[in-house]
Amino acid sequence: MAIVAILLLPVVTVLLYGMDRTEDWLARGPKPPRHARGRHLRLIPGGRQRTAAAPAGRGEAQTEAA
């Protein structure tokens, strides 16, 4: 009985190590895509729009707010 336990010890060790590595591999999150850049800001053209309170032209007189 002891001989069987001693012979199975390396098999169980390899099995536990393999399961630990597999669990770590499955638990980690996905890597970011290759084409993704860190902290890169993409601006959309035409994103700023005029509000109703803004004057229509630059040559017009503007009133000061109190």
N, C-alpha and C. Protein backbone atom coordinates (compact mmCIF):
# COMPACT_ATOMS: atom_id res chain seq x y z
N MET A 1 0.82 -1.20 0.00
CA MET A 1 0.00 0.00 0.00
C MET A 1 0.86 1.26 0.00
N ALA A 2 1.92 1.27 0.79
CA ALA A 2 2.81 2.41 0.85
C ALA A 2 3.54 2.60 -0.47
N ILE A 3 3.87 1.48 -1.13
CA ILE A 3 4.56 1.57 -2.42
C ILE A 3 3.67 2.25 -3.46
N VAL A 4 2.39 1.93 -3.47
CA VAL A 4 1.45 2.56 -4.41
C VAL A 4 1.34 4.05 -4.12
N ALA A 5 1.29 4.44 -2.86
CA ALA A 5 1.19 5.85 -2.50
C ALA A 5 2.45 6.60 -2.92
N ILE A 6 3.61 6.00 -2.75
CA ILE A 6 4.86 6.65 -3.14
C ILE A 6 4.94 6.77 -4.66
N LEU A 7 4.45 5.79 -5.39
CA LEU A 7 4.47 5.84 -6.85
C LEU A 7 3.47 6.86 -7.40
N LEU A 8 2.36 7.07 -6.71
CA LEU A 8 1.34 8.01 -7.18
C LEU A 8 1.65 9.46 -6.80
N LEU A 9 2.56 9.66 -5.86
CA LEU A 9 2.88 11.01 -5.41
C LEU A 9 3.36 11.93 -6.54
N PRO A 10 4.27 11.54 -7.42
CA PRO A 10 4.66 12.43 -8.52
C PRO A 10 3.51 12.73 -9.49
N VAL A 11 2.65 11.76 -9.71
CA VAL A 11 1.51 11.96 -10.61
C VAL A 11 0.55 12.99 -10.03
N VAL A 12 0.27 12.88 -8.75
CA VAL A 12 -0.62 13.82 -8.09
C VAL A 12 0.01 15.21 -8.06
N THR A 13 1.31 15.29 -7.87
CA THR A 13 2.01 16.58 -7.85
C THR A 13 1.89 17.27 -9.21
N VAL A 14 2.13 16.54 -10.28
CA VAL A 14 2.03 17.11 -11.63
C VAL A 14 0.58 17.50 -11.92
N LEU A 15 -0.37 16.71 -11.50
CA LEU A 15 -1.77 17.02 -11.72
C LEU A 15 -2.18 18.30 -10.99
N LEU A 16 -1.78 18.45 -9.74
CA LEU A 16 -2.10 19.66 -8.99
C LEU A 16 -1.44 20.90 -9.59
N TYR A 17 -0.19 20.77 -10.00
CA TYR A 17 0.49 21.90 -10.63
C TYR A 17 -0.20 22.29 -11.94
N GLY A 18 -0.55 21.31 -12.74
CA GLY A 18 -1.24 21.58 -14.01
C GLY A 18 -2.60 22.23 -13.80
N MET A 19 -3.34 21.78 -12.82
CA MET A 19 -4.65 22.36 -12.54
C MET A 19 -4.51 23.80 -12.03
N ASP A 20 -3.48 24.07 -11.23
CA ASP A 20 -3.25 25.43 -10.73
C ASP A 20 -2.94 26.37 -11.90
N ARG A 21 -2.08 25.96 -12.80
CA ARG A 21 -1.74 26.79 -13.96
C ARG A 21 -2.95 27.01 -14.86
N THR A 22 -3.76 25.97 -15.04
CA THR A 22 -4.95 26.09 -15.88
C THR A 22 -5.96 27.04 -15.25
N GLU A 23 -6.12 26.97 -13.93
CA GLU A 23 -7.04 27.86 -13.23
C GLU A 23 -6.59 29.31 -13.34
N ASP A 24 -5.30 29.56 -13.19
CA ASP A 24 -4.78 30.92 -13.35
C ASP A 24 -5.00 31.43 -14.78
N TRP A 25 -4.80 30.56 -15.75
CA TRP A 25 -4.97 30.93 -17.15
C TRP A 25 -6.43 31.29 -17.46
N LEU A 26 -7.36 30.54 -16.90
CA LEU A 26 -8.77 30.79 -17.15
C LEU A 26 -9.29 32.01 -16.38
N ALA A 27 -8.70 32.31 -15.23
CA ALA A 27 -9.20 33.38 -14.37
C ALA A 27 -8.73 34.77 -14.81
N ARG A 28 -7.62 34.87 -15.52
CA ARG A 28 -7.12 36.20 -15.88
C ARG A 28 -7.97 36.80 -16.99
N GLY A 29 -8.02 38.12 -16.99
CA GLY A 29 -8.85 38.84 -17.94
C GLY A 29 -8.24 38.87 -19.33
N PRO A 30 -9.03 39.30 -20.30
CA PRO A 30 -8.51 39.35 -21.66
C PRO A 30 -7.51 40.49 -21.82
N LYS A 31 -6.57 40.31 -22.70
CA LYS A 31 -5.58 41.34 -22.98
C LYS A 31 -6.20 42.41 -23.86
N PRO A 32 -5.72 43.64 -23.78
CA PRO A 32 -6.25 44.68 -24.67
C PRO A 32 -5.86 44.37 -26.11
N PRO A 33 -6.67 44.81 -27.06
CA PRO A 33 -6.34 44.54 -28.46
C PRO A 33 -5.00 45.16 -28.84
N ARG A 34 -4.36 44.60 -29.84
CA ARG A 34 -3.04 45.07 -30.27
C ARG A 34 -3.11 46.49 -30.82
N HIS A 35 -4.19 46.82 -31.49
CA HIS A 35 -4.30 48.12 -32.13
C HIS A 35 -4.68 49.23 -31.15
N ALA A 36 -5.02 48.88 -29.91
CA ALA A 36 -5.44 49.89 -28.94
C ALA A 36 -4.21 50.66 -28.44
N ARG A 37 -4.35 51.95 -28.35
CA ARG A 37 -3.28 52.79 -27.83
C ARG A 37 -3.68 53.28 -26.45
N GLY A 38 -2.71 53.43 -25.60
CA GLY A 38 -2.99 53.91 -24.26
C GLY A 38 -3.22 55.41 -24.23
N ARG A 39 -4.30 55.84 -23.62
CA ARG A 39 -4.63 57.25 -23.41
C ARG A 39 -4.61 58.06 -24.69
N HIS A 40 -5.18 57.54 -25.73
CA HIS A 40 -5.26 58.25 -27.00
C HIS A 40 -6.66 58.81 -27.14
N LEU A 41 -6.76 60.12 -27.32
CA LEU A 41 -8.05 60.79 -27.38
C LEU A 41 -8.41 61.02 -28.84
N ARG A 42 -9.55 60.50 -29.24
CA ARG A 42 -10.02 60.71 -30.61
C ARG A 42 -11.12 61.75 -30.59
N LEU A 43 -10.89 62.84 -31.30
CA LEU A 43 -11.86 63.93 -31.33
C LEU A 43 -12.79 63.75 -32.52
N ILE A 44 -14.05 64.05 -32.29
CA ILE A 44 -15.04 63.93 -33.34
C ILE A 44 -15.22 65.30 -33.97
N PRO A 45 -15.02 65.45 -35.31
CA PRO A 45 -15.21 66.75 -35.93
C PRO A 45 -16.67 67.18 -35.85
N GLY A 46 -16.89 68.47 -35.58
CA GLY A 46 -18.25 68.98 -35.49
C GLY A 46 -18.90 68.69 -34.16
N GLY A 47 -18.12 68.34 -33.16
CA GLY A 47 -18.68 68.01 -31.85
C GLY A 47 -19.21 69.22 -31.10
N ARG A 48 -18.60 70.39 -31.32
CA ARG A 48 -19.04 71.60 -30.63
C ARG A 48 -20.17 72.24 -31.44
N GLN A 49 -21.26 72.57 -30.77
CA GLN A 49 -22.40 73.20 -31.44
C GLN A 49 -22.68 74.53 -30.78
N ARG A 50 -23.22 75.45 -31.55
CA ARG A 50 -23.57 76.76 -31.00
C ARG A 50 -24.83 76.64 -30.16
N THR A 51 -24.87 77.41 -29.10
CA THR A 51 -26.08 77.44 -28.29
C THR A 51 -26.94 78.61 -28.72
N ALA A 52 -28.17 78.67 -28.28
CA ALA A 52 -29.10 79.73 -28.67
C ALA A 52 -28.65 81.08 -28.11
N ALA A 53 -27.95 81.12 -26.99
CA ALA A 53 -27.53 82.37 -26.36
C ALA A 53 -26.28 82.96 -27.01
N ALA A 54 -25.56 82.18 -27.80
CA ALA A 54 -24.33 82.67 -28.41
C ALA A 54 -24.66 83.61 -29.57
N PRO A 55 -23.89 84.69 -29.75
CA PRO A 55 -24.14 85.62 -30.86
C PRO A 55 -23.86 84.94 -32.20
N ALA A 56 -24.59 85.38 -33.22
CA ALA A 56 -24.48 84.75 -34.53
C ALA A 56 -23.21 85.16 -35.25
N GLY A 57 -22.77 86.41 -35.10
CA GLY A 57 -21.59 86.86 -35.83
C GLY A 57 -20.61 87.54 -34.90
N ARG A 58 -19.39 87.75 -35.40
CA ARG A 58 -18.36 88.37 -34.57
C ARG A 58 -18.46 89.89 -34.59
N GLY A 59 -18.99 90.48 -35.66
CA GLY A 59 -19.05 91.91 -35.78
C GLY A 59 -20.14 92.57 -34.97
N GLU A 60 -21.07 91.82 -34.45
CA GLU A 60 -22.17 92.38 -33.69
C GLU A 60 -21.71 92.79 -32.29
N ALA A 61 -22.38 93.76 -31.76
CA ALA A 61 -22.05 94.22 -30.41
C ALA A 61 -22.53 93.20 -29.40
N GLN A 62 -21.69 92.93 -28.42
CA GLN A 62 -22.04 91.97 -27.39
C GLN A 62 -22.36 92.74 -26.10
N THR A 63 -23.33 92.22 -25.37
CA THR A 63 -23.68 92.85 -24.10
C THR A 63 -22.99 92.10 -22.97
N GLU A 64 -22.60 92.85 -21.95
CA GLU A 64 -21.95 92.22 -20.81
C GLU A 64 -22.99 91.74 -19.81
N ALA A 65 -22.73 90.60 -19.26
CA ALA A 65 -23.61 90.09 -18.21
C ALA A 65 -23.19 90.73 -16.89
N ALA A 66 -24.15 91.08 -16.06
CA ALA A 66 -23.86 91.74 -14.80
C ALA A 66 -23.08 90.77 -13.99
